[in-house]
Amino acid sequence: MLKEGCMELGLYGLGRMGGNMVTRLAQGGHRVVAGNRSDGPVKEAVARGAVASTGIADMVAKLAAPRVLWSMVPSGDVTDATLDELARHASRGDVLIDGGNSNFRDSMRRAEKYAAQGFDFLDVGVSGGVWGLEVGYCMMVGGPKRAVDLVKPALDTLAPPNGWGHFGKNGAGHFVKMVHNGIEYGMMQAYAEGFELLHASEFKPDLKQVADLWMQGSVVRSWLLELAGRAFAQEGNDLAAIKGHVADSGEGRWTIEEAIRHSVPMTVLAHALFARFTSRQEDSYAMKVNAALRNQFGGHSVEKA
């Protein structure tokens, strides 16, 4: 028997985000049927209060209609395959949710597709990373209000106070999350460049001390800055054990593409994205060309590889 204000739902995909979300929901009193491609994460979820499922069909069978079926798998083909499998076993009136980092245009397409099959669809952009279990997840929701109302008890538990918002029709949730991640790229790059100058200076300040100080009333304080302080505390000023290779999972690219589509200048965010590309080059070809040109027009020396 569920306590007042709680609900039941199925969540498939127990990676770093999904597994912690299941735990937070179970701790909040919800009945969560957990599913995953491999068994290990399911066993961990059960130990934290979830109900095990052997697969998507079993997960759906263990829930009463109207069901809430939440996918937390990587964006792209894997999401399509997971949602299609959920729909195959679900009933008309069930709610399908994609909580991964999907392109908002894919979410619009999926909403139309599943509406034709009798399902409501929600796109939920989720931010919070590995800290979400402790402090809650910020969630950006797109889709029909009736589906949002059904899922509200779970959203209330997953988020901190005032930590989720409904932004309108399908695609809106993932669009807002996309822009959120684009801004995140810019903020991270600004911090990275500032700390590089501090590190290169003659003063050699303790970078953890700087980060901690700036958290006390400074206009540049943020959670990312707090995490920078943690990183310097763990790795030291030189970050010697960390390779400067920065991946991107898609949202930054999509943000710049939409900026071009709407003729919105995004110089900071574009630079931050391209800086990530530069981080993956062992030896930049463009910089080779620069060196060669300087040698040709000015006789400046070049370093041989």
Protein backbone atom coordinates (compact mmCIF):
# COMPACT_ATOMS: atom_id res chain seq x y z
CA MET A 1 0.00 0.00 0.00
CA LEU A 2 1.52 3.30 -1.13
CA LYS A 3 1.58 6.15 1.33
CA GLU A 4 -0.22 9.36 0.47
CA GLY A 5 1.48 11.44 -2.21
CA CYS A 6 3.40 8.51 -3.68
CA MET A 7 2.99 6.59 -6.90
CA GLU A 8 4.37 3.63 -8.80
CA LEU A 9 6.42 3.75 -11.98
CA GLY A 10 8.90 1.79 -14.01
CA LEU A 11 12.36 3.12 -14.76
CA TYR A 12 14.60 1.44 -17.33
CA GLY A 13 18.30 2.29 -17.57
CA LEU A 14 20.26 2.19 -14.32
CA GLY A 15 23.43 4.05 -15.17
CA ARG A 16 24.92 6.78 -12.99
CA MET A 17 21.83 8.96 -13.30
CA GLY A 18 19.10 6.33 -13.56
CA GLY A 19 20.37 4.22 -10.68
CA ASN A 20 20.52 7.18 -8.32
CA MET A 21 17.10 8.39 -9.44
CA VAL A 22 15.60 5.00 -8.59
CA THR A 23 17.20 5.18 -5.16
CA ARG A 24 15.88 8.69 -4.48
CA LEU A 25 12.38 7.66 -5.59
CA ALA A 26 12.40 4.52 -3.44
CA GLN A 27 13.66 6.51 -0.45
CA GLY A 28 10.74 8.87 -1.03
CA GLY A 29 8.22 6.06 -0.67
CA HIS A 30 7.42 5.39 -4.31
CA ARG A 31 7.13 1.89 -5.75
CA VAL A 32 9.75 1.75 -8.49
CA VAL A 33 10.09 -1.24 -10.78
CA ALA A 34 13.67 -1.07 -12.01
CA GLY A 35 14.99 -2.53 -15.24
CA ASN A 36 18.33 -2.61 -17.00
CA ARG A 37 20.09 -4.47 -19.81
CA SER A 38 22.42 -6.17 -17.30
CA ASP A 39 21.43 -7.70 -13.95
CA GLY A 40 24.02 -6.12 -11.63
CA PRO A 41 22.47 -2.63 -11.45
CA VAL A 42 19.02 -4.18 -10.91
CA LYS A 43 20.29 -6.06 -7.86
CA GLU A 44 21.81 -2.84 -6.52
CA ALA A 45 18.49 -1.04 -7.05
CA VAL A 46 16.61 -3.77 -5.19
CA ALA A 47 19.02 -3.44 -2.27
CA ARG A 48 18.05 0.24 -2.16
CA GLY A 49 14.31 -0.40 -2.13
CA ALA A 50 13.26 -0.94 -5.75
CA VAL A 51 11.34 -3.86 -7.26
CA ALA A 52 13.30 -6.00 -9.71
CA SER A 53 12.28 -6.70 -13.28
CA THR A 54 13.86 -9.16 -15.67
CA GLY A 55 13.27 -6.91 -18.66
CA ILE A 56 10.89 -4.40 -20.18
CA ALA A 57 8.00 -6.83 -20.62
CA ASP A 58 8.27 -7.93 -16.99
CA MET A 59 8.58 -4.33 -15.81
CA VAL A 60 5.39 -3.30 -17.60
CA ALA A 61 3.55 -6.38 -16.31
CA LYS A 62 4.38 -5.43 -12.70
CA LEU A 63 2.69 -2.04 -13.00
CA ALA A 64 -1.00 -1.15 -13.03
CA ALA A 65 -2.48 1.06 -15.75
CA PRO A 66 -2.21 3.93 -16.38
CA ARG A 67 1.51 3.27 -16.18
CA VAL A 68 4.42 5.68 -16.06
CA LEU A 69 7.37 4.19 -17.95
CA TRP A 70 10.59 6.19 -17.72
CA SER A 71 13.60 5.61 -19.99
CA MET A 72 17.06 6.70 -18.80
CA VAL A 73 19.31 5.40 -21.59
CA PRO A 74 21.78 7.20 -23.91
CA SER A 75 20.33 9.41 -26.63
CA GLY A 76 19.89 8.23 -30.21
CA ASP A 77 19.04 4.77 -31.48
CA VAL A 78 19.17 3.24 -28.00
CA THR A 79 16.43 5.59 -26.83
CA ASP A 80 14.28 4.80 -29.86
CA ALA A 81 14.68 1.07 -29.31
CA THR A 82 13.89 1.34 -25.58
CA LEU A 83 10.80 3.51 -26.06
CA ASP A 84 9.53 1.27 -28.87
CA GLU A 85 9.90 -1.77 -26.61
CA LEU A 86 8.09 0.01 -23.78
CA ALA A 87 5.26 0.95 -26.16
CA ARG A 88 5.04 -2.61 -27.45
CA HIS A 89 4.07 -3.88 -23.98
CA ALA A 90 2.22 -0.81 -22.66
CA SER A 91 -1.50 0.04 -22.82
CA ARG A 92 -3.25 3.05 -24.30
CA GLY A 93 -3.22 5.90 -21.80
CA ASP A 94 0.20 5.00 -20.38
CA VAL A 95 2.87 7.71 -20.17
CA LEU A 96 6.27 7.24 -21.81
CA ILE A 97 9.11 9.44 -20.56
CA ASP A 98 12.53 10.08 -22.07
CA GLY A 99 14.84 11.46 -19.38
CA GLY A 100 18.02 11.16 -21.44
CA ASN A 101 19.88 13.95 -23.22
CA SER A 102 17.93 13.67 -26.45
CA ASN A 103 17.73 16.23 -29.23
CA PHE A 104 14.49 18.17 -28.80
CA ARG A 105 13.55 17.54 -32.43
CA ASP A 106 13.73 13.80 -31.77
CA SER A 107 11.42 14.35 -28.79
CA MET A 108 8.90 16.17 -30.98
CA ARG A 109 9.01 13.33 -33.48
CA ARG A 110 8.60 10.70 -30.80
CA ALA A 111 5.69 12.51 -29.18
CA GLU A 112 3.79 12.53 -32.46
CA LYS A 113 4.59 8.88 -33.07
CA TYR A 114 3.45 7.66 -29.66
CA ALA A 115 0.39 9.89 -29.57
CA ALA A 116 -0.80 8.04 -32.67
CA GLN A 117 -0.50 4.82 -30.67
CA GLY A 118 -2.53 6.18 -27.74
CA PHE A 119 0.32 7.15 -25.39
CA ASP A 120 1.29 10.42 -23.77
CA PHE A 121 4.95 11.31 -24.05
CA LEU A 122 7.08 13.55 -21.85
CA ASP A 123 10.59 14.79 -22.59
CA VAL A 124 12.37 15.49 -19.30
CA GLY A 125 15.77 17.14 -19.31
CA VAL A 126 17.57 16.09 -16.13
CA SER A 127 20.49 17.96 -14.55
CA GLY A 128 22.27 17.11 -11.33
CA GLY A 129 24.87 14.51 -12.22
CA VAL A 130 26.20 12.22 -9.54
CA TRP A 131 25.14 14.72 -6.85
CA GLY A 132 21.45 14.43 -7.70
CA LEU A 133 20.83 11.61 -5.25
CA GLU A 134 21.87 13.84 -2.36
CA VAL A 135 20.67 17.30 -3.42
CA GLY A 136 17.99 16.51 -6.00
CA TYR A 137 17.68 16.88 -9.76
CA CYS A 138 16.74 19.98 -11.72
CA MET A 139 14.22 18.83 -14.34
CA MET A 140 12.85 20.56 -17.41
CA VAL A 141 9.62 19.01 -18.72
CA GLY A 142 7.84 19.16 -22.06
CA GLY A 143 4.55 17.49 -22.97
CA PRO A 144 0.82 17.43 -22.19
CA LYS A 145 -0.27 18.76 -18.81
CA ARG A 146 -2.40 15.69 -18.03
CA ALA A 147 0.72 13.53 -18.20
CA VAL A 148 2.72 15.99 -16.13
CA ASP A 149 0.00 15.95 -13.47
CA LEU A 150 0.17 12.15 -13.34
CA VAL A 151 3.95 12.16 -12.92
CA LYS A 152 4.05 15.11 -10.51
CA PRO A 153 4.57 13.02 -7.30
CA ALA A 154 7.74 11.51 -8.77
CA LEU A 155 8.99 14.88 -10.04
CA ASP A 156 8.40 16.42 -6.62
CA THR A 157 10.51 13.71 -4.98
CA LEU A 158 13.33 13.78 -7.52
CA ALA A 159 13.73 17.55 -7.47
CA PRO A 160 14.74 19.92 -4.69
CA PRO A 161 12.09 22.51 -3.75
CA ASN A 162 11.01 24.43 -6.89
CA GLY A 163 13.44 22.23 -8.81
CA TRP A 164 11.31 21.24 -11.80
CA GLY A 165 9.28 23.14 -14.36
CA HIS A 166 6.83 22.39 -17.17
CA PHE A 167 7.67 24.46 -20.25
CA GLY A 168 4.85 23.53 -22.61
CA LYS A 169 4.53 21.24 -25.58
CA ASN A 170 6.73 18.28 -26.38
CA GLY A 171 10.32 19.20 -27.18
CA ALA A 172 10.33 22.15 -24.79
CA GLY A 173 11.88 20.18 -21.94
CA HIS A 174 14.81 18.94 -23.97
CA PHE A 175 15.19 22.32 -25.69
CA VAL A 176 15.58 24.12 -22.35
CA LYS A 177 18.01 21.40 -21.19
CA MET A 178 20.00 21.80 -24.41
CA VAL A 179 20.46 25.53 -23.85
CA HIS A 180 21.28 24.81 -20.18
CA ASN A 181 24.12 22.55 -21.29
CA GLY A 182 25.35 25.07 -23.84
CA ILE A 183 25.60 27.68 -21.06
CA GLU A 184 27.38 25.10 -18.92
CA TYR A 185 30.04 24.75 -21.64
CA GLY A 186 30.63 28.51 -21.58
CA MET A 187 30.82 28.73 -17.80
CA MET A 188 33.27 25.84 -17.60
CA GLN A 189 35.50 27.35 -20.28
CA ALA A 190 35.54 30.74 -18.52
CA TYR A 191 36.61 29.12 -15.25
CA ALA A 192 39.20 26.99 -17.09
CA GLU A 193 40.79 30.01 -18.78
CA GLY A 194 40.81 32.08 -15.60
CA PHE A 195 42.44 29.35 -13.54
CA GLU A 196 44.99 28.75 -16.30
CA LEU A 197 46.11 32.38 -16.04
CA LEU A 198 46.32 32.14 -12.26
CA HIS A 199 48.36 28.94 -12.60
CA ALA A 200 50.73 30.53 -15.12
CA SER A 201 51.30 33.72 -13.13
CA GLU A 202 54.34 34.60 -11.06
CA PHE A 203 52.20 34.57 -7.90
CA LYS A 204 51.28 30.86 -8.06
CA PRO A 205 48.26 31.19 -5.76
CA ASP A 206 46.72 28.12 -4.18
CA LEU A 207 43.89 27.47 -6.61
CA LYS A 208 41.73 25.66 -4.08
CA GLN A 209 42.02 28.69 -1.82
CA VAL A 210 40.99 30.96 -4.71
CA ALA A 211 37.98 28.81 -5.59
CA ASP A 212 36.88 28.57 -1.95
CA LEU A 213 37.30 32.31 -1.46
CA TRP A 214 35.28 33.16 -4.57
CA MET A 215 32.43 31.03 -3.19
CA GLN A 216 32.02 33.55 -0.34
CA GLY A 217 29.84 36.31 -1.74
CA SER A 218 31.66 36.73 -5.06
CA VAL A 219 29.60 37.46 -8.20
CA VAL A 220 31.27 34.47 -9.91
CA ARG A 221 30.29 31.96 -7.22
CA SER A 222 28.50 28.84 -8.47
CA TRP A 223 28.26 25.11 -7.95
CA LEU A 224 30.78 24.60 -10.77
CA LEU A 225 33.23 26.80 -8.89
CA GLU A 226 32.65 24.76 -5.76
CA LEU A 227 33.45 21.63 -7.77
CA ALA A 228 36.62 23.29 -9.09
CA GLY A 229 37.74 23.73 -5.49
CA ARG A 230 37.07 20.06 -4.84
CA ALA A 231 39.10 19.11 -7.91
CA PHE A 232 42.12 21.21 -6.85
CA ALA A 233 41.90 19.74 -3.35
CA GLN A 234 42.00 16.21 -4.77
CA GLU A 235 44.46 16.68 -7.64
CA GLY A 236 46.62 19.68 -6.66
CA ASN A 237 47.27 22.92 -8.54
CA ASP A 238 48.92 21.20 -11.49
CA LEU A 239 46.13 18.64 -12.09
CA ALA A 240 49.05 16.45 -13.16
CA ALA A 241 47.11 13.19 -13.16
CA ILE A 242 44.38 14.51 -15.47
CA LYS A 243 44.70 14.62 -19.26
CA GLY A 244 43.23 17.73 -20.86
CA HIS A 245 40.84 15.82 -23.10
CA VAL A 246 37.25 17.07 -22.92
CA ALA A 247 34.42 15.18 -24.61
CA ASP A 248 31.03 16.58 -25.60
CA SER A 249 27.78 14.62 -25.56
CA GLY A 250 25.92 16.58 -28.23
CA GLU A 251 23.96 19.33 -26.50
CA GLY A 252 26.61 22.00 -27.10
CA ARG A 253 26.64 21.26 -30.83
CA TRP A 254 22.84 21.32 -31.00
CA THR A 255 22.77 24.65 -29.17
CA ILE A 256 25.11 26.24 -31.71
CA GLU A 257 23.11 24.74 -34.60
CA GLU A 258 19.93 26.29 -33.22
CA ALA A 259 21.71 29.61 -32.69
CA ILE A 260 22.63 29.61 -36.38
CA ARG A 261 19.06 28.66 -37.32
CA HIS A 262 17.65 31.61 -35.34
CA SER A 263 20.50 34.04 -36.12
CA VAL A 264 21.33 34.36 -32.42
CA PRO A 265 24.98 35.28 -31.77
CA MET A 266 26.59 32.80 -29.38
CA THR A 267 30.27 33.68 -29.49
CA VAL A 268 31.10 32.47 -25.96
CA LEU A 269 29.26 29.16 -26.30
CA ALA A 270 30.70 28.50 -29.77
CA HIS A 271 34.22 29.16 -28.49
CA ALA A 272 33.64 26.80 -25.56
CA LEU A 273 32.52 24.02 -27.91
CA PHE A 274 35.49 24.50 -30.25
CA ALA A 275 37.86 24.58 -27.28
CA ARG A 276 36.68 21.08 -26.46
CA PHE A 277 37.56 20.00 -29.99
CA THR A 278 41.03 21.50 -29.56
CA SER A 279 41.52 19.53 -26.34
CA ARG A 280 41.37 16.28 -28.29
CA GLN A 281 44.21 17.11 -30.65
CA GLU A 282 47.59 15.71 -29.74
CA ASP A 283 49.23 18.20 -32.10
CA SER A 284 46.97 20.74 -33.81
CA TYR A 285 47.33 20.76 -37.60
CA ALA A 286 46.08 24.35 -37.67
CA MET A 287 48.91 25.33 -35.34
CA LYS A 288 51.36 23.54 -37.65
CA VAL A 289 50.08 25.72 -40.50
CA ASN A 290 50.43 28.83 -38.31
CA ALA A 291 54.03 27.94 -37.48
CA ALA A 292 54.84 27.26 -41.14
CA LEU A 293 53.35 30.60 -42.23
CA ARG A 294 55.32 32.54 -39.59
CA ASN A 295 58.46 30.82 -40.83
CA GLN A 296 57.68 31.68 -44.46
CA PHE A 297 56.81 35.35 -44.08
CA GLY A 298 59.06 36.32 -41.20
CA GLY A 299 61.76 33.70 -41.03
CA HIS A 300 60.59 32.75 -37.53
CA SER A 301 62.04 29.47 -36.33
CA VAL A 302 59.94 26.36 -36.15
CA GLU A 303 60.24 23.44 -33.76
CA LYS A 304 60.71 20.14 -35.55
CA ALA A 305 58.53 17.18 -34.56
